[in-house]
N, C-alpha and C. Protein backbone atom coordinates (compact mmCIF):
# COMPACT_ATOMS: atom_id res chain seq x y z
N UNK A 1 -6.84 75.10 -8.56
CA UNK A 1 -8.08 74.69 -7.78
C UNK A 1 -8.75 73.68 -8.54
N UNK A 2 -8.96 73.75 -9.76
CA UNK A 2 -9.69 72.75 -10.78
C UNK A 2 -9.02 71.40 -10.62
N UNK A 3 -7.51 71.48 -10.76
CA UNK A 3 -6.77 70.27 -10.70
C UNK A 3 -6.88 69.62 -9.44
N UNK A 4 -7.08 70.33 -8.32
CA UNK A 4 -7.15 69.60 -6.98
C UNK A 4 -8.51 68.82 -6.85
N UNK A 5 -9.49 69.49 -7.47
CA UNK A 5 -10.92 68.88 -7.49
C UNK A 5 -10.90 67.61 -8.36
N UNK A 6 -10.26 67.72 -9.53
CA UNK A 6 -10.19 66.54 -10.39
C UNK A 6 -9.37 65.32 -9.57
N UNK A 7 -8.30 65.58 -8.92
CA UNK A 7 -7.51 64.75 -8.12
C UNK A 7 -8.41 64.12 -7.03
N UNK A 8 -9.22 64.98 -6.28
CA UNK A 8 -10.03 64.50 -5.36
C UNK A 8 -11.08 63.59 -5.67
N UNK A 9 -11.64 63.87 -6.94
CA UNK A 9 -12.84 63.07 -7.42
C UNK A 9 -12.12 61.64 -7.87
N UNK A 10 -10.93 61.67 -8.49
CA UNK A 10 -10.28 60.35 -8.92
C UNK A 10 -10.08 59.56 -7.63
N UNK A 11 -9.66 60.20 -6.48
CA UNK A 11 -9.23 59.47 -5.50
C UNK A 11 -10.44 58.79 -4.77
N UNK A 12 -11.61 59.56 -4.75
CA UNK A 12 -12.86 59.08 -4.40
C UNK A 12 -13.26 57.73 -5.22
N UNK A 13 -13.16 57.91 -6.39
CA UNK A 13 -13.53 56.76 -7.36
C UNK A 13 -12.73 55.54 -7.20
N UNK A 14 -11.29 55.84 -7.01
CA UNK A 14 -10.49 54.69 -6.68
C UNK A 14 -10.80 54.02 -5.32
N UNK A 15 -11.00 54.76 -4.37
CA UNK A 15 -11.47 54.40 -3.00
C UNK A 15 -12.81 53.46 -3.10
N UNK A 16 -13.80 53.95 -3.93
CA UNK A 16 -14.99 53.21 -3.96
C UNK A 16 -14.69 51.99 -4.72
N UNK A 17 -13.78 51.89 -5.71
CA UNK A 17 -13.62 50.58 -6.42
C UNK A 17 -13.00 49.65 -5.57
N UNK A 18 -12.00 50.06 -4.69
CA UNK A 18 -11.31 49.15 -3.81
C UNK A 18 -12.25 48.56 -2.68
N UNK A 19 -13.15 49.54 -2.32
CA UNK A 19 -14.05 49.07 -1.13
C UNK A 19 -15.12 48.17 -1.69
N UNK A 20 -15.61 48.10 -2.96
CA UNK A 20 -16.52 47.36 -3.49
C UNK A 20 -15.83 45.88 -3.87
N UNK A 21 -14.60 45.85 -4.37
CA UNK A 21 -13.91 44.64 -4.87
C UNK A 21 -13.85 43.70 -3.55
N UNK A 22 -14.11 42.49 -3.84
CA UNK A 22 -13.90 41.44 -2.74
C UNK A 22 -12.36 41.13 -2.69
N UNK A 23 -12.09 40.85 -1.41
CA UNK A 23 -10.81 40.56 -1.03
C UNK A 23 -10.65 39.07 -0.97
N UNK A 24 -9.76 38.55 -1.97
CA UNK A 24 -9.66 37.08 -2.01
C UNK A 24 -8.23 36.68 -1.43
N UNK A 25 -8.38 35.87 -0.36
CA UNK A 25 -7.04 35.42 0.27
C UNK A 25 -6.27 34.52 -0.68
N UNK A 26 -4.95 34.60 -0.63
CA UNK A 26 -4.11 33.83 -1.49
C UNK A 26 -3.73 32.65 -0.47
N UNK A 27 -3.93 31.42 -1.06
CA UNK A 27 -3.70 30.32 -0.25
C UNK A 27 -2.52 29.61 -0.84
N UNK A 28 -1.59 29.25 -0.02
CA UNK A 28 -0.33 28.50 -0.29
C UNK A 28 -0.55 27.15 0.29
N UNK A 29 -0.56 26.21 -0.56
CA UNK A 29 -0.70 24.75 -0.14
C UNK A 29 0.51 24.27 0.40
N UNK A 30 0.49 23.67 1.56
CA UNK A 30 1.62 23.06 2.11
C UNK A 30 1.85 21.67 1.68
N UNK A 31 3.11 21.37 1.17
CA UNK A 31 3.25 20.06 0.75
C UNK A 31 3.07 18.98 1.80
N UNK A 32 2.58 17.91 1.55
CA UNK A 32 2.36 16.76 2.46
C UNK A 32 3.52 16.41 3.18
N UNK A 33 3.50 16.06 4.45
CA UNK A 33 4.71 15.61 5.23
C UNK A 33 5.22 14.41 4.66
N UNK A 34 4.38 13.34 4.26
CA UNK A 34 4.81 12.08 3.73
C UNK A 34 4.12 11.99 2.38
N UNK A 35 4.91 11.18 1.50
CA UNK A 35 4.41 10.87 0.08
C UNK A 35 4.38 9.36 0.17
N UNK A 36 3.30 8.76 -0.32
CA UNK A 36 3.09 7.32 -0.48
C UNK A 36 3.87 6.86 -1.66
N UNK A 37 4.79 5.85 -1.50
CA UNK A 37 5.63 5.32 -2.56
C UNK A 37 5.25 3.94 -2.98
N UNK A 38 4.80 3.06 -2.12
CA UNK A 38 4.55 1.84 -2.66
C UNK A 38 3.64 1.05 -1.56
N UNK A 39 2.82 0.09 -1.99
CA UNK A 39 1.98 -0.54 -1.09
C UNK A 39 1.95 -2.11 -1.73
N UNK A 40 2.35 -3.20 -0.90
CA UNK A 40 2.15 -4.41 -1.36
C UNK A 40 2.16 -5.40 -0.13
N UNK A 41 1.49 -6.63 -0.57
CA UNK A 41 1.48 -7.74 0.36
C UNK A 41 2.87 -8.51 0.33
N UNK A 42 3.27 -8.69 1.67
CA UNK A 42 4.71 -9.34 1.86
C UNK A 42 5.52 -8.52 2.62
N UNK A 43 6.71 -9.07 3.13
CA UNK A 43 7.68 -8.42 3.75
C UNK A 43 8.83 -8.00 3.06
N UNK A 44 9.61 -9.12 2.55
CA UNK A 44 10.75 -8.86 1.91
C UNK A 44 10.52 -8.66 0.32
N UNK A 45 9.54 -9.27 -0.17
CA UNK A 45 9.14 -9.12 -1.53
C UNK A 45 7.66 -9.31 -1.67
N UNK A 46 7.06 -8.71 -2.76
CA UNK A 46 5.58 -8.86 -2.90
C UNK A 46 5.06 -10.23 -3.08
N UNK A 47 4.04 -10.49 -2.59
CA UNK A 47 3.38 -11.95 -2.68
C UNK A 47 1.87 -11.63 -3.10
N UNK A 48 1.42 -12.73 -3.61
CA UNK A 48 -0.15 -12.70 -3.94
C UNK A 48 -0.99 -13.32 -2.68
N UNK A 49 -2.02 -12.74 -2.48
CA UNK A 49 -2.82 -13.25 -1.26
C UNK A 49 -4.32 -13.55 -1.70
N UNK A 50 -4.89 -14.47 -0.98
CA UNK A 50 -6.25 -14.94 -1.25
C UNK A 50 -7.25 -14.66 -0.13
N UNK A 51 -8.44 -14.71 -0.21
CA UNK A 51 -9.47 -14.60 1.07
C UNK A 51 -9.16 -15.76 2.00
N UNK A 52 -9.08 -15.38 3.16
CA UNK A 52 -8.64 -16.49 4.19
C UNK A 52 -7.22 -16.52 4.71
N UNK A 53 -6.39 -15.65 3.91
CA UNK A 53 -4.92 -15.65 4.37
C UNK A 53 -4.75 -14.78 5.38
N UNK A 54 -3.56 -14.96 6.07
CA UNK A 54 -2.96 -13.86 7.06
C UNK A 54 -1.75 -13.46 6.41
N UNK A 55 -1.62 -12.27 6.25
CA UNK A 55 -0.42 -11.71 5.52
C UNK A 55 -0.11 -10.19 6.05
N UNK A 56 1.12 -9.89 5.73
CA UNK A 56 1.65 -8.53 6.08
C UNK A 56 1.44 -7.46 5.00
N UNK A 57 0.64 -6.39 5.20
CA UNK A 57 0.56 -5.36 4.21
C UNK A 57 1.66 -4.24 4.42
N UNK A 58 2.56 -4.11 3.49
CA UNK A 58 3.79 -3.29 3.63
C UNK A 58 3.36 -1.84 2.91
N UNK A 59 3.58 -0.80 3.67
CA UNK A 59 3.47 0.55 3.20
C UNK A 59 4.61 1.24 3.28
N UNK A 60 5.23 1.73 2.02
CA UNK A 60 6.52 2.54 2.08
C UNK A 60 6.08 3.95 1.80
N UNK A 61 6.58 4.92 2.80
CA UNK A 61 6.43 6.26 2.68
C UNK A 61 7.89 6.97 2.49
N UNK A 62 7.76 8.21 2.01
CA UNK A 62 8.94 8.87 2.03
C UNK A 62 8.51 10.39 2.74
N UNK A 63 9.62 10.78 3.54
CA UNK A 63 9.31 11.84 4.47
C UNK A 63 9.63 13.13 3.50
N UNK A 64 8.97 14.21 3.60
CA UNK A 64 9.24 15.27 2.61
C UNK A 64 9.57 16.62 3.34
N UNK A 65 9.56 16.68 4.68
CA UNK A 65 9.84 17.93 5.33
C UNK A 65 11.28 18.03 5.80
N UNK A 66 11.54 19.23 6.25
CA UNK A 66 13.05 19.52 6.56
C UNK A 66 13.37 19.16 8.02
N UNK A 67 12.54 19.21 8.93
CA UNK A 67 12.71 18.98 10.31
C UNK A 67 12.75 17.50 10.57
N UNK A 68 13.61 17.11 11.61
CA UNK A 68 13.73 15.70 11.86
C UNK A 68 13.15 15.30 13.08
N UNK A 69 12.83 13.94 13.29
CA UNK A 69 12.24 13.51 14.52
C UNK A 69 12.38 12.02 14.64
N UNK A 70 11.88 11.33 15.77
CA UNK A 70 12.09 10.04 16.12
C UNK A 70 10.69 9.54 16.47
N UNK A 71 10.46 8.26 16.25
CA UNK A 71 9.18 7.53 16.82
C UNK A 71 7.96 8.03 16.13
N UNK A 72 7.57 7.23 15.41
CA UNK A 72 6.21 7.47 14.51
C UNK A 72 5.15 6.33 14.91
N UNK A 73 3.88 6.79 15.10
CA UNK A 73 2.85 5.85 15.21
C UNK A 73 1.96 5.85 14.02
N UNK A 74 1.56 4.68 13.53
CA UNK A 74 0.89 4.63 12.29
C UNK A 74 -0.34 3.67 12.59
N UNK A 75 -1.58 4.13 12.26
CA UNK A 75 -2.69 3.47 12.37
C UNK A 75 -3.40 3.14 11.05
N UNK A 76 -3.70 2.00 10.68
CA UNK A 76 -4.41 1.55 9.39
C UNK A 76 -5.71 1.21 9.82
N UNK A 77 -6.76 1.97 9.27
CA UNK A 77 -8.25 1.69 9.50
C UNK A 77 -8.64 0.91 8.24
N UNK A 78 -9.01 -0.41 8.52
CA UNK A 78 -9.28 -1.38 7.54
C UNK A 78 -10.65 -1.41 7.11
N UNK A 79 -10.89 -1.74 5.90
CA UNK A 79 -12.26 -1.83 5.40
C UNK A 79 -12.99 -3.15 5.96
N UNK A 80 -14.28 -3.31 5.77
CA UNK A 80 -14.97 -4.51 6.13
C UNK A 80 -14.40 -5.72 5.49
N UNK A 81 -14.20 -6.76 6.26
CA UNK A 81 -13.72 -8.11 5.75
C UNK A 81 -12.18 -8.23 6.10
N UNK A 82 -11.66 -7.26 6.69
CA UNK A 82 -10.19 -7.23 7.04
C UNK A 82 -10.03 -7.00 8.46
N UNK A 83 -9.13 -7.52 9.10
CA UNK A 83 -8.95 -7.43 10.53
C UNK A 83 -7.45 -7.43 10.84
N UNK A 84 -6.96 -6.64 11.95
CA UNK A 84 -5.64 -6.61 12.34
C UNK A 84 -5.57 -8.08 13.07
N UNK A 85 -4.31 -8.68 12.95
CA UNK A 85 -4.06 -9.91 13.66
C UNK A 85 -4.28 -9.63 15.19
N UNK A 86 -5.14 -10.39 15.89
CA UNK A 86 -5.45 -10.29 17.19
C UNK A 86 -6.79 -9.55 17.35
N UNK A 87 -7.62 -9.19 16.36
CA UNK A 87 -8.82 -8.59 16.26
C UNK A 87 -8.65 -7.01 16.15
N UNK A 88 -9.92 -6.42 16.03
CA UNK A 88 -10.04 -5.03 15.71
C UNK A 88 -9.86 -4.70 14.25
N UNK A 89 -10.58 -3.63 13.78
CA UNK A 89 -10.38 -3.15 12.34
C UNK A 89 -9.25 -2.07 12.27
N UNK A 90 -8.58 -1.96 13.27
CA UNK A 90 -7.34 -1.08 13.21
C UNK A 90 -6.06 -1.75 13.43
N UNK A 91 -5.11 -1.63 12.47
CA UNK A 91 -3.74 -2.28 12.54
C UNK A 91 -2.92 -1.10 13.01
N UNK A 92 -2.08 -1.36 14.10
CA UNK A 92 -1.20 -0.32 14.52
C UNK A 92 0.23 -0.69 14.57
N UNK A 93 1.03 0.09 13.96
CA UNK A 93 2.43 -0.18 13.93
C UNK A 93 3.36 1.02 14.38
N UNK A 94 4.59 0.86 14.76
CA UNK A 94 5.39 1.88 15.33
C UNK A 94 6.67 1.92 14.52
N UNK A 95 7.23 3.13 14.25
CA UNK A 95 8.57 3.29 13.62
C UNK A 95 9.37 4.04 14.50
N UNK A 96 10.46 3.36 15.19
CA UNK A 96 11.25 3.94 16.29
C UNK A 96 12.52 4.53 15.73
N UNK A 97 12.74 4.53 14.48
CA UNK A 97 14.17 5.05 14.10
C UNK A 97 14.04 6.56 13.87
N UNK A 98 15.25 7.20 13.48
CA UNK A 98 15.29 8.56 13.16
C UNK A 98 14.72 8.81 11.70
N UNK A 99 14.00 9.95 11.66
CA UNK A 99 13.43 10.32 10.33
C UNK A 99 13.83 11.70 9.90
N UNK A 100 14.46 11.82 8.73
CA UNK A 100 14.82 13.11 8.25
C UNK A 100 14.44 13.28 6.79
N UNK A 101 14.54 14.49 6.21
CA UNK A 101 14.12 14.77 4.86
C UNK A 101 14.54 13.63 3.79
N UNK A 102 13.66 13.01 3.16
CA UNK A 102 14.10 12.07 2.21
C UNK A 102 14.23 10.67 2.82
N UNK A 103 13.86 10.43 4.08
CA UNK A 103 13.82 9.16 4.61
C UNK A 103 12.72 8.28 4.09
N UNK A 104 13.07 6.95 3.94
CA UNK A 104 11.99 6.00 3.43
C UNK A 104 11.63 5.15 4.60
N UNK A 105 10.44 5.14 4.87
CA UNK A 105 9.70 4.36 5.97
C UNK A 105 9.02 3.19 5.49
N UNK A 106 9.46 2.02 6.06
CA UNK A 106 8.68 0.78 5.70
C UNK A 106 7.81 0.29 6.70
N UNK A 107 6.53 0.34 6.67
CA UNK A 107 5.52 -0.01 7.72
C UNK A 107 4.91 -1.23 7.45
N UNK A 108 4.91 -2.10 8.36
CA UNK A 108 4.25 -3.38 8.01
C UNK A 108 3.03 -3.65 8.92
N UNK A 109 1.98 -4.11 8.31
CA UNK A 109 0.69 -4.25 9.08
C UNK A 109 0.08 -5.74 9.00
N UNK A 110 0.25 -6.57 9.96
CA UNK A 110 -0.21 -7.94 9.90
C UNK A 110 -1.69 -8.13 9.84
N UNK A 111 -2.26 -8.65 8.79
CA UNK A 111 -3.65 -8.57 8.61
C UNK A 111 -4.31 -9.90 8.25
N UNK A 112 -5.51 -10.07 8.77
CA UNK A 112 -6.33 -11.31 8.47
C UNK A 112 -7.33 -10.98 7.38
N UNK A 113 -7.31 -11.71 6.26
CA UNK A 113 -8.32 -11.45 5.32
C UNK A 113 -9.40 -12.50 5.35
N UNK A 114 -10.59 -11.98 5.57
CA UNK A 114 -11.84 -12.77 5.72
C UNK A 114 -11.94 -13.74 4.59
N UNK A 115 -12.37 -15.11 4.72
CA UNK A 115 -12.78 -15.93 3.62
C UNK A 115 -13.84 -15.45 2.69
N UNK A 116 -14.79 -14.52 3.24
CA UNK A 116 -15.80 -13.84 2.53
C UNK A 116 -15.41 -12.81 1.61
N UNK A 117 -14.19 -12.22 1.60
CA UNK A 117 -13.78 -11.17 0.99
C UNK A 117 -13.67 -11.54 -0.58
N UNK A 118 -14.22 -10.74 -1.54
CA UNK A 118 -14.03 -10.98 -2.85
C UNK A 118 -12.71 -10.48 -3.44
N UNK A 119 -12.35 -11.02 -4.63
CA UNK A 119 -11.15 -10.51 -5.26
C UNK A 119 -11.27 -9.22 -5.84
N UNK A 120 -10.48 -8.38 -5.62
CA UNK A 120 -10.74 -7.04 -6.06
C UNK A 120 -9.60 -5.99 -5.35
N UNK A 121 -9.85 -4.80 -5.54
CA UNK A 121 -9.29 -3.70 -4.94
C UNK A 121 -10.01 -3.12 -3.73
N UNK A 122 -9.16 -2.65 -2.68
CA UNK A 122 -9.79 -2.15 -1.44
C UNK A 122 -8.95 -0.80 -1.05
N UNK A 123 -9.50 -0.05 -0.29
CA UNK A 123 -8.98 1.25 0.24
C UNK A 123 -8.96 1.11 1.83
N UNK A 124 -7.89 1.70 2.38
CA UNK A 124 -7.82 1.92 3.91
C UNK A 124 -7.31 3.30 4.13
N UNK A 125 -7.52 3.73 5.41
CA UNK A 125 -7.07 5.08 5.83
C UNK A 125 -5.85 4.90 6.64
N UNK A 126 -4.77 5.60 6.42
CA UNK A 126 -3.55 5.49 7.19
C UNK A 126 -3.29 6.80 7.87
N UNK A 127 -3.37 6.80 9.23
CA UNK A 127 -3.28 8.01 10.14
C UNK A 127 -1.79 7.86 10.72
N UNK A 128 -1.09 9.03 10.60
CA UNK A 128 0.30 9.05 11.04
C UNK A 128 0.39 10.15 12.30
N UNK A 129 1.07 9.88 13.35
CA UNK A 129 1.30 10.73 14.49
C UNK A 129 2.63 10.74 14.94
N UNK A 130 3.24 11.91 15.27
CA UNK A 130 4.53 11.89 15.72
C UNK A 130 4.84 13.33 16.36
N UNK A 131 5.97 13.43 17.12
CA UNK A 131 6.27 14.61 17.67
C UNK A 131 7.54 15.27 17.03
N UNK A 132 7.71 16.52 16.99
CA UNK A 132 8.90 17.29 16.66
C UNK A 132 9.17 18.24 17.83
N UNK A 133 10.36 18.19 18.48
CA UNK A 133 10.85 18.81 19.68
C UNK A 133 9.68 18.90 20.64
N UNK A 134 9.08 17.78 20.94
CA UNK A 134 8.14 17.65 21.96
C UNK A 134 6.77 18.31 21.77
N UNK A 135 6.62 18.67 20.34
CA UNK A 135 5.33 19.29 19.86
C UNK A 135 4.65 18.28 18.93
N UNK A 136 3.31 17.89 19.29
CA UNK A 136 2.57 16.94 18.52
C UNK A 136 2.27 17.66 17.18
N UNK A 137 2.69 16.99 16.12
CA UNK A 137 2.25 17.50 14.84
C UNK A 137 0.86 17.09 14.45
N UNK A 138 0.09 17.78 14.00
CA UNK A 138 -1.31 17.46 13.50
C UNK A 138 -1.35 16.21 12.76
N UNK A 139 -2.15 15.37 13.10
CA UNK A 139 -2.35 13.96 12.42
C UNK A 139 -2.43 14.16 10.86
N UNK A 140 -1.81 13.34 10.24
CA UNK A 140 -1.75 13.38 8.70
C UNK A 140 -2.49 12.08 8.28
N UNK A 141 -3.27 12.17 7.42
CA UNK A 141 -4.07 10.98 6.80
C UNK A 141 -3.66 10.68 5.44
N UNK A 142 -3.59 9.40 5.04
CA UNK A 142 -3.25 9.11 3.64
C UNK A 142 -4.24 8.03 3.22
N UNK A 143 -4.64 7.86 1.98
CA UNK A 143 -5.45 6.76 1.52
C UNK A 143 -4.49 5.84 0.89
N UNK A 144 -4.74 4.57 1.38
CA UNK A 144 -3.78 3.27 1.02
C UNK A 144 -4.76 2.44 0.14
N UNK A 145 -4.33 2.05 -1.07
CA UNK A 145 -5.06 1.15 -1.99
C UNK A 145 -4.38 -0.21 -2.07
N UNK A 146 -5.04 -1.28 -1.89
CA UNK A 146 -4.24 -2.55 -1.85
C UNK A 146 -5.29 -3.49 -2.64
N UNK A 147 -4.76 -4.62 -3.07
CA UNK A 147 -5.40 -5.56 -4.01
C UNK A 147 -5.37 -7.06 -3.33
N UNK A 148 -6.58 -7.64 -3.40
CA UNK A 148 -6.57 -9.08 -3.19
C UNK A 148 -6.74 -9.78 -4.55
N UNK A 149 -5.65 -10.19 -5.03
CA UNK A 149 -5.70 -10.75 -6.47
C UNK A 149 -5.93 -12.32 -6.51
N UNK A 150 -5.76 -12.98 -5.39
CA UNK A 150 -5.85 -14.38 -5.42
C UNK A 150 -4.45 -15.02 -5.79
N UNK A 151 -4.27 -16.26 -5.69
CA UNK A 151 -2.97 -16.95 -6.08
C UNK A 151 -3.28 -18.32 -6.52
N UNK A 152 -2.46 -18.83 -7.21
CA UNK A 152 -2.60 -20.29 -7.69
C UNK A 152 -2.22 -21.18 -6.76
N UNK A 153 -2.80 -22.35 -6.73
CA UNK A 153 -2.41 -23.54 -5.82
C UNK A 153 -2.44 -24.75 -6.72
N UNK A 154 -1.17 -25.28 -7.01
CA UNK A 154 -1.05 -26.19 -7.87
C UNK A 154 -0.80 -27.60 -7.30
N UNK A 155 -1.61 -28.65 -7.50
CA UNK A 155 -1.22 -30.03 -7.16
C UNK A 155 -0.65 -30.75 -8.44
N UNK A 156 0.30 -31.56 -8.05
CA UNK A 156 1.15 -32.27 -9.09
C UNK A 156 1.13 -33.70 -8.90
N UNK A 157 0.89 -34.51 -9.89
CA UNK A 157 0.87 -35.90 -9.68
C UNK A 157 1.42 -36.53 -10.88
N UNK A 158 2.22 -37.70 -10.68
CA UNK A 158 2.75 -38.28 -11.70
C UNK A 158 1.87 -39.74 -11.89
N UNK A 159 1.33 -39.97 -12.99
CA UNK A 159 0.45 -41.09 -13.18
C UNK A 159 1.10 -42.41 -13.21
N UNK A 160 2.13 -42.54 -13.80
CA UNK A 160 2.97 -43.76 -14.10
C UNK A 160 3.38 -44.21 -12.60
N UNK A 161 3.04 -45.46 -12.40
CA UNK A 161 3.37 -46.02 -11.03
C UNK A 161 4.65 -46.66 -11.04
N UNK A 162 5.09 -47.42 -12.17
CA UNK A 162 6.24 -48.08 -12.15
C UNK A 162 7.26 -47.48 -13.11
N UNK A 163 8.20 -46.63 -12.56
CA UNK A 163 9.23 -46.05 -13.31
C UNK A 163 10.46 -47.07 -13.28
N UNK A 164 11.18 -47.23 -14.45
CA UNK A 164 12.34 -47.99 -14.50
C UNK A 164 13.57 -47.25 -14.95
N UNK A 165 14.65 -47.86 -14.85
CA UNK A 165 15.88 -47.18 -15.34
C UNK A 165 15.88 -46.97 -16.79
N UNK A 166 16.36 -45.78 -17.20
CA UNK A 166 16.50 -45.59 -18.59
C UNK A 166 15.43 -44.58 -19.09
N UNK A 167 15.41 -44.49 -20.52
CA UNK A 167 14.57 -43.39 -20.98
C UNK A 167 13.11 -43.82 -21.21
N UNK A 168 12.25 -42.93 -20.66
CA UNK A 168 10.85 -43.39 -20.66
C UNK A 168 9.87 -42.13 -20.79
N UNK A 169 8.62 -42.30 -21.04
CA UNK A 169 7.68 -41.16 -20.98
C UNK A 169 6.90 -41.39 -19.75
N UNK A 170 6.57 -40.14 -19.06
CA UNK A 170 5.71 -40.28 -17.93
C UNK A 170 4.63 -39.19 -18.07
N UNK A 171 3.44 -39.39 -17.48
CA UNK A 171 2.23 -38.43 -17.51
C UNK A 171 2.22 -37.80 -16.20
N UNK A 172 2.16 -36.47 -16.34
CA UNK A 172 2.21 -35.58 -15.02
C UNK A 172 1.01 -34.81 -15.17
N UNK A 173 0.11 -34.79 -14.20
CA UNK A 173 -1.15 -34.06 -14.16
C UNK A 173 -1.01 -32.79 -13.17
N UNK A 174 -1.23 -31.68 -13.67
CA UNK A 174 -1.25 -30.51 -12.78
C UNK A 174 -2.71 -29.96 -12.63
N UNK A 175 -3.05 -29.76 -11.42
CA UNK A 175 -4.44 -29.24 -11.20
C UNK A 175 -4.21 -27.85 -10.32
N UNK A 176 -4.83 -26.86 -10.84
CA UNK A 176 -4.81 -25.53 -10.07
C UNK A 176 -6.14 -25.42 -9.24
N UNK A 177 -5.88 -25.61 -7.91
CA UNK A 177 -7.06 -25.42 -6.99
C UNK A 177 -7.19 -23.96 -6.48
N UNK A 178 -6.30 -23.12 -6.89
CA UNK A 178 -6.38 -21.83 -6.32
C UNK A 178 -7.42 -20.82 -6.96
N UNK A 179 -7.28 -19.50 -6.64
CA UNK A 179 -8.25 -18.59 -7.15
C UNK A 179 -7.77 -17.68 -8.11
N UNK A 180 -6.54 -18.04 -8.66
CA UNK A 180 -5.86 -17.11 -9.59
C UNK A 180 -5.34 -18.08 -10.68
N UNK A 181 -5.07 -17.33 -11.86
CA UNK A 181 -4.42 -18.25 -12.98
C UNK A 181 -2.84 -18.41 -12.81
N UNK A 182 -2.38 -19.54 -13.02
CA UNK A 182 -1.00 -19.90 -12.94
C UNK A 182 -0.30 -19.76 -14.37
N UNK A 183 0.79 -18.91 -14.39
CA UNK A 183 1.50 -18.63 -15.55
C UNK A 183 2.78 -19.19 -15.65
N UNK A 184 3.27 -19.66 -16.65
CA UNK A 184 4.71 -20.07 -17.04
C UNK A 184 5.08 -21.17 -16.14
N UNK A 185 4.37 -22.13 -16.38
CA UNK A 185 4.82 -23.31 -15.42
C UNK A 185 5.98 -24.12 -16.09
N UNK A 186 6.83 -24.57 -15.26
CA UNK A 186 7.99 -25.39 -15.86
C UNK A 186 8.26 -26.69 -14.88
N UNK A 187 8.27 -27.69 -15.60
CA UNK A 187 8.57 -28.93 -14.75
C UNK A 187 10.04 -29.06 -14.40
N UNK A 188 10.40 -29.12 -13.18
CA UNK A 188 11.74 -28.97 -12.68
C UNK A 188 12.41 -30.34 -12.48
N UNK A 189 11.62 -31.35 -11.94
CA UNK A 189 12.09 -32.53 -11.59
C UNK A 189 10.97 -33.58 -11.38
N UNK A 190 11.04 -34.83 -11.86
CA UNK A 190 9.95 -35.80 -11.64
C UNK A 190 10.46 -36.98 -10.86
N UNK A 191 9.50 -37.50 -9.89
CA UNK A 191 9.74 -38.60 -9.02
C UNK A 191 8.73 -39.66 -9.39
N UNK A 192 8.74 -40.71 -8.50
CA UNK A 192 7.91 -41.90 -8.90
C UNK A 192 6.47 -41.58 -8.63
N UNK A 193 6.17 -40.62 -7.76
CA UNK A 193 4.75 -40.37 -7.41
C UNK A 193 4.38 -38.83 -7.51
N UNK A 194 5.35 -38.05 -7.82
CA UNK A 194 4.95 -36.54 -7.93
C UNK A 194 6.15 -35.86 -8.70
N UNK A 195 6.08 -34.58 -8.65
CA UNK A 195 7.03 -33.82 -9.48
C UNK A 195 7.15 -32.41 -8.92
N UNK A 196 8.33 -31.75 -9.10
CA UNK A 196 8.36 -30.40 -8.61
C UNK A 196 8.14 -29.45 -9.83
N UNK A 197 7.46 -28.21 -9.63
CA UNK A 197 7.01 -27.48 -10.61
C UNK A 197 7.47 -26.13 -10.18
N UNK A 198 8.06 -25.23 -11.14
CA UNK A 198 8.50 -23.93 -10.78
C UNK A 198 7.38 -23.02 -11.38
N UNK A 199 6.89 -22.08 -10.58
CA UNK A 199 5.99 -20.98 -11.03
C UNK A 199 6.63 -19.81 -11.33
N UNK A 200 6.01 -18.77 -11.74
CA UNK A 200 6.66 -17.45 -11.96
C UNK A 200 7.01 -16.96 -10.55
N UNK A 201 7.94 -15.90 -10.39
CA UNK A 201 8.35 -15.35 -9.04
C UNK A 201 9.06 -16.41 -8.36
N UNK A 202 9.60 -17.45 -8.96
CA UNK A 202 10.62 -18.38 -8.33
C UNK A 202 9.76 -19.21 -7.14
N UNK A 203 8.47 -19.53 -7.42
CA UNK A 203 7.83 -20.30 -6.37
C UNK A 203 7.80 -21.81 -6.70
N UNK A 204 8.22 -22.59 -5.75
CA UNK A 204 8.33 -24.05 -6.12
C UNK A 204 7.19 -24.77 -5.35
N UNK A 205 6.77 -25.75 -6.01
CA UNK A 205 5.73 -26.75 -5.39
C UNK A 205 6.19 -28.21 -5.63
């Protein structure tokens, strides 16, 4: 009888402890459907842009989920000073190919950069929308960071007016009228009134 009373008291104490203790739900964070891989100005290769330019902002994503789908709509909400080509502060593009786990998606957004924009880094919101088996997946948003770094603009002039056959010295003047520093200039060829200059990234002027 005594043992039964002790057991009953112990059960009551345990019940009281469990009733007082808060229940904390365990949250399992789902991995994002898409992972941001790369953001750059340009289509085939990265380029530098300046205020006043029209250029394509390329966003590369990797799909992380196991189910497959086709047709994705991507909307890039732009900060002040940037516009989609054709107007509006939202640039929209579509990816019509098949997407499966590990797929890399290259999305291009043609954008006008206002002449009033300052050199620096900017952020935009990328919203993705797609269907899996005719079911709309909840919109996923990613933060996209890009930079307006400016670019050099080199004027080249050869001062000597009369060149003659044979060995001689000529004076070549290079003027940078751009909004970024030009590095590693190399004179490729000189003519009677100008010269060709190679910049880094195989840019020729």
